Amino acid sequence: MQSRGILLAIAGFAASAIAAAVPASAIDTTSPNVTVTVYPDGLPKELIPTEGSSGSVEKRANAGVYLCTDSYFTGYCVHIVQPQFVCINLSGDLNDKVSSVGPDSPYYCLFYGAFNCDDSESHFGTFSPGYNDLSTLGYNDKISSYICHPN
């Protein structure tokens, strides 16, 4: 799998508060806790989130989300799977470059314009299938972090 230097800074979630961010260099993306799949030429058609696509409904400890640099899940895309209730900071290849988002079902994700899931620059939330064109919300190229939890 191609690696494009995706560095994720994870902040822990405890007692309804987000803890300090872990340095990106401390994250082991080969561990079962965080996985990153890169799609440099957009998502394959069968992976594009659509209304009514439920995916697996079994209870899982991890949440996943698709992020793409162009609308309609094209351009450079990744699928990041991380523990639920964990804030993910986007690195240079995605920070302020995302144009479409799609959480895995049955998760709800909040996307922030600031790092560390800080609401200082507002946020929006979505269930699957997400948004294929963030310009309709005024969030095109404005996402810096996100957090997901079960529906």
Protein backbone atom coordinates (compact mmCIF):
# COMPACT_ATOMS: atom_id res chain seq x y z
CA MET A 1 0.00 0.00 0.00
CA GLN A 2 1.36 3.41 -0.91
CA SER A 3 2.20 5.66 1.99
CA ARG A 4 2.00 9.42 1.47
CA GLY A 5 3.28 10.38 4.88
CA ILE A 6 -0.07 10.58 6.56
CA LEU A 7 0.68 11.64 10.07
CA LEU A 8 -2.11 11.52 12.56
CA ALA A 9 -2.06 13.20 15.92
CA ILE A 10 -4.43 11.50 18.30
CA ALA A 11 -5.99 13.07 21.34
CA GLY A 12 -7.45 10.72 23.93
CA PHE A 13 -11.02 10.98 25.10
CA ALA A 14 -11.66 10.77 28.84
CA ALA A 15 -14.59 11.81 30.99
CA SER A 16 -16.23 13.68 28.12
CA ALA A 17 -13.13 15.81 27.58
CA ILE A 18 -10.44 15.57 24.92
CA ALA A 19 -6.95 15.18 26.33
CA ALA A 20 -3.71 16.64 24.97
CA ALA A 21 -2.62 15.48 21.53
CA VAL A 22 -0.06 12.73 21.16
CA PRO A 23 2.86 13.75 18.92
CA ALA A 24 2.40 12.41 15.39
CA SER A 25 5.78 10.67 15.56
CA ALA A 26 4.48 8.56 18.48
CA ILE A 27 1.64 7.04 16.47
CA ASP A 28 2.14 3.55 15.14
CA THR A 29 -0.16 3.37 12.11
CA THR A 30 0.75 -0.31 11.73
CA SER A 31 -1.00 -1.11 15.02
CA PRO A 32 -4.58 -2.43 15.01
CA ASN A 33 -5.76 0.83 16.64
CA VAL A 34 -5.25 3.12 13.62
CA THR A 35 -5.17 2.05 9.99
CA VAL A 36 -4.88 4.19 6.89
CA THR A 37 -5.75 3.02 3.39
CA VAL A 38 -4.74 5.36 0.55
CA TYR A 39 -6.60 5.70 -2.75
CA PRO A 40 -4.43 8.16 -4.75
CA ASP A 41 -6.82 8.24 -7.72
CA GLY A 42 -10.15 8.48 -5.88
CA LEU A 43 -12.36 5.83 -4.36
CA PRO A 44 -13.32 2.78 -6.40
CA LYS A 45 -16.99 3.00 -7.35
CA GLU A 46 -17.98 0.19 -4.99
CA LEU A 47 -16.55 2.09 -1.99
CA ILE A 48 -18.27 5.44 -2.59
CA PRO A 49 -20.73 5.97 0.28
CA THR A 50 -24.34 6.07 -0.89
CA GLU A 51 -27.70 6.52 0.78
CA GLY A 52 -28.80 3.20 2.19
CA SER A 53 -25.34 1.62 2.21
CA SER A 54 -25.15 0.25 5.69
CA GLY A 55 -21.86 -1.60 5.73
CA SER A 56 -21.37 -3.82 8.72
CA VAL A 57 -23.85 -3.22 11.53
CA GLU A 58 -21.97 -5.30 14.06
CA LYS A 59 -20.66 -3.48 17.12
CA ARG A 60 -17.09 -2.39 16.58
CA ALA A 61 -14.54 -0.63 18.76
CA ASN A 62 -13.21 1.33 15.77
CA ALA A 63 -14.80 3.93 13.54
CA GLY A 64 -13.78 4.66 9.96
CA VAL A 65 -14.16 7.63 7.66
CA TYR A 66 -13.39 8.32 3.99
CA LEU A 67 -11.79 11.69 3.20
CA CYS A 68 -11.06 12.89 -0.36
CA THR A 69 -9.41 16.04 -1.69
CA ASP A 70 -11.95 16.47 -4.49
CA SER A 71 -15.74 16.42 -4.49
CA TYR A 72 -17.68 13.26 -5.24
CA PHE A 73 -14.98 11.12 -3.57
CA THR A 74 -12.36 11.75 -6.26
CA GLY A 75 -8.78 13.00 -6.13
CA TYR A 76 -6.51 11.77 -3.35
CA CYS A 77 -8.58 9.71 -0.88
CA VAL A 78 -7.92 7.87 2.37
CA HIS A 79 -9.94 5.63 4.64
CA ILE A 80 -8.85 6.12 8.24
CA VAL A 81 -9.97 3.66 10.92
CA GLN A 82 -9.43 4.80 14.49
CA PRO A 83 -10.88 4.08 17.94
CA GLN A 84 -14.24 5.74 18.48
CA PHE A 85 -14.28 8.92 20.62
CA VAL A 86 -10.69 9.76 19.54
CA CYS A 87 -9.90 13.09 17.90
CA ILE A 88 -7.87 12.79 14.70
CA ASN A 89 -5.80 15.76 13.47
CA LEU A 90 -5.23 15.80 9.72
CA SER A 91 -1.67 16.13 8.45
CA GLY A 92 -0.38 18.16 5.50
CA ASP A 93 -1.70 15.85 2.80
CA LEU A 94 -5.30 16.40 4.01
CA ASN A 95 -5.38 19.41 6.35
CA ASP A 96 -7.53 22.12 4.77
CA LYS A 97 -7.70 20.06 1.54
CA VAL A 98 -10.75 17.78 2.06
CA SER A 99 -13.74 18.22 -0.27
CA SER A 100 -15.80 15.07 0.49
CA VAL A 101 -16.28 12.99 3.67
CA GLY A 102 -18.08 9.74 4.37
CA PRO A 103 -18.21 8.06 7.79
CA ASP A 104 -18.66 4.31 7.98
CA SER A 105 -22.13 3.25 9.09
CA PRO A 106 -23.32 3.32 11.90
CA TYR A 107 -21.02 6.17 13.01
CA TYR A 108 -21.64 9.89 13.42
CA CYS A 109 -18.61 12.12 12.89
CA LEU A 110 -17.97 15.75 13.77
CA PHE A 111 -15.54 17.62 11.50
CA TYR A 112 -13.74 20.72 12.80
CA GLY A 113 -12.02 23.67 11.14
CA ALA A 114 -9.37 23.69 13.90
CA PHE A 115 -6.97 21.08 15.26
CA ASN A 116 -7.70 19.00 18.37
CA CYS A 117 -11.46 19.03 17.66
CA ASP A 118 -11.55 22.60 18.96
CA ASP A 119 -14.77 24.39 18.13
CA SER A 120 -13.07 27.79 17.77
CA GLU A 121 -13.64 27.64 13.99
CA SER A 122 -16.99 25.80 14.18
CA HIS A 123 -17.85 22.29 13.07
CA PHE A 124 -20.42 20.16 11.26
CA GLY A 125 -21.56 16.59 11.79
CA THR A 126 -22.78 13.81 9.55
CA PHE A 127 -23.82 10.18 9.43
CA SER A 128 -23.06 7.87 6.51
CA PRO A 129 -23.09 8.47 3.57
CA GLY A 130 -21.65 11.89 4.47
CA TYR A 131 -21.19 14.74 2.01
CA ASN A 132 -19.85 14.35 -1.50
CA ASP A 133 -19.37 18.12 -1.93
CA LEU A 134 -18.38 20.13 1.16
CA SER A 135 -18.71 23.43 -0.73
CA THR A 136 -22.49 23.08 -0.23
CA LEU A 137 -21.84 23.49 3.52
CA GLY A 138 -19.13 26.11 3.21
CA TYR A 139 -16.50 23.63 4.46
CA ASN A 140 -14.57 22.87 1.28
CA ASP A 141 -10.84 22.73 2.11
CA LYS A 142 -11.52 23.74 5.74
CA ILE A 143 -11.29 20.53 7.81
CA SER A 144 -8.39 20.11 10.25
CA SER A 145 -9.67 17.43 12.65
CA TYR A 146 -12.58 15.08 13.35
CA ILE A 147 -14.02 12.68 15.91
CA CYS A 148 -16.50 9.80 15.46
CA HIS A 149 -18.84 7.90 17.76
CA PRO A 150 -21.57 5.29 17.32
CA ASN A 151 -25.04 6.37 16.26
